Amino acid sequence: MTRHTDLGPGRDPQAGLHQAMAALSAAPPGGRGVTSDLSIDETLLLHSVGWEPVDLVFGVSWWSIPWGAWQWQTGEIAEASSAFAGAFAEAAQQMREECAQAGGSGVVGVEIEMRVAAHHISIELTGTAVRRVDHHQAGFEFISDLSARDFALLTRAGWWPLSLVVGASFVVAPRRTARQWAAQQGQNTELPHLTEALYLAREGAMARMQRAGSDAGADGVIGVRLREGPLGHSARIMQFVAVGTAVHLAAGSHRPIAPTMAVPLDDAERTFEAASLRSSR
């Protein structure tokens, strides 16, 4: 349906602009259209388990890190680890609010963009809000980075996603002494201060992610993705970030899944030349 605004002679342009903006923001007849980054296959799989996409939702947060936190300390930088946790929690909360405003009760396929700079940490979350087809369940239920396919398999097996859980740790390795530096020149040898820093970051990050899952009442964390290694602005700073989906066994016991065949609808068309069927002789 197309809405028209009268901007003829004698019409106030400002009033016409406000009228046009109101027409664009108003819901069309029959409700708001669906916006989704899910493929056709994923949308059909969602419908097969009683869910449907609603809208793309977004959450972003930037947190500052005190000046000099990286330069004057060794060991874990608590300010950076807590800033990461705060930014992630704030971005997830914004995503929940957008999901509720769109009429959804959960988010699937969350993509995570994270940037750790010298003075700030930014988290960006993008996903597809979904809801039950029958709309019987009200209220927010979950955020998950699982694909629509994995969500369908998970729920069919009696499991249920709860929330995204994250653990992050940033550790500054101590500097090598002049004697250590001289002894390691021209040799193939381990740099133990960097190895130990990465192990320390891993232990802290994994413990925080598992604690977050326990606090959410989860029976486990699945689909864990890791980001580890030195930060770009300093080779002595080791980062370890773990993100996964906390899940709960909602059915009381695991249900086996009978295999089914799914035919993709986006296969590339295969063509050939008739001449290729002729004998090469």
Foldseek 3Di string as FASTA:
>chain_A
DDDDFDPDPPDDVVVSVVVVVVVVPDADPPGHDFDFPADPVLQVLQVVQQKHWQYKFKFKFKFWADPPLQPPDFFWSVSQQVQVVVGVVRRVVRRQVVLVVRVAQEWEQWDWDWDDDNTMIMIMIITIGMHGNVNPDDHHAEYFNHGSVVQSVQVVFQKFWGYKFKFKIKGFFDDDDPVVVVVCPPDDDDPVSQVVRQVSGVVRTVVRRVVVLVVRVAPDWPPKDWDWAADPVDNRMIMIMIMTIGMHRRRVHTHDDDDDDDDDPPDDDDDDDPVVPDDPD
